[in-house]
Amino acid sequence: MQIREVIAQLEKEMYIAAKNLQFERAARLRDKVKELKDAHNIKNKENGTSFKNH
């Protein structure tokens, strides 16, 4: 599995967790996605910027 596929899967799990009100799990997944994107210098598709925590 390529890194972008891994990130896409984690993002999907993150959104599902948030939808199911599993916010702590969603936050852990968000942090993992950010870590992977930063490590592999991957930008967000939506706006071309790095994934940021809010």
Protein backbone atom coordinates (compact mmCIF):
# COMPACT_ATOMS: atom_id res chain seq x y z
CA MET A 1 0.00 0.00 0.00
CA GLN A 2 1.35 3.43 -0.97
CA ILE A 3 1.62 6.21 1.64
CA ARG A 4 -1.16 8.22 -0.02
CA GLU A 5 -3.45 5.19 0.21
CA VAL A 6 -2.60 4.79 3.89
CA ILE A 7 -3.36 8.47 4.50
CA ALA A 8 -6.64 8.23 2.59
CA GLN A 9 -7.69 5.22 4.68
CA LEU A 10 -6.78 6.97 7.93
CA GLU A 11 -8.72 10.07 6.86
CA LYS A 12 -11.75 7.91 6.06
CA GLU A 13 -11.52 6.28 9.49
CA MET A 14 -11.11 9.72 11.08
CA TYR A 15 -14.32 11.04 9.49
CA ILE A 16 -16.22 7.90 10.44
CA ALA A 17 -14.99 8.16 14.03
CA ALA A 18 -16.08 11.81 14.22
CA LYS A 19 -19.47 10.97 12.73
CA ASN A 20 -19.88 8.30 15.41
CA LEU A 21 -18.93 10.85 18.11
CA GLN A 22 -15.63 9.08 18.80
CA PHE A 23 -13.77 12.36 19.01
CA GLU A 24 -10.68 11.13 20.85
CA ARG A 25 -10.14 8.43 18.24
CA ALA A 26 -10.73 10.95 15.45
CA ALA A 27 -8.17 13.29 17.01
CA ARG A 28 -5.57 10.50 17.24
CA LEU A 29 -6.18 9.65 13.59
CA ARG A 30 -5.93 13.35 12.63
CA ASP A 31 -2.59 13.58 14.42
CA LYS A 32 -1.32 10.44 12.67
CA VAL A 33 -2.39 11.83 9.28
CA LYS A 34 -0.57 15.08 10.02
CA GLU A 35 2.54 13.18 11.12
CA LEU A 36 2.58 11.12 7.92
CA LYS A 37 1.93 14.12 5.68
CA ASP A 38 4.67 16.12 7.36
CA ALA A 39 7.14 13.23 7.20
CA HIS A 40 6.48 12.71 3.49
CA ASN A 41 6.03 16.41 2.61
CA ILE A 42 2.48 15.83 1.33
CA LYS A 43 0.16 18.79 0.89
CA ASN A 44 -3.63 18.79 1.30
CA LYS A 45 -5.51 18.49 -1.97
CA GLU A 46 -8.19 21.00 -0.98
CA ASN A 47 -6.04 24.09 -0.54
CA GLY A 48 -2.44 23.08 -1.25
CA THR A 49 -1.31 23.69 2.33
CA SER A 50 -0.03 21.34 4.96
CA PHE A 51 -2.61 19.70 7.22
CA LYS A 52 -3.10 21.94 10.22
CA ASN A 53 -4.63 21.31 13.65
CA HIS A 54 -7.31 23.79 14.72
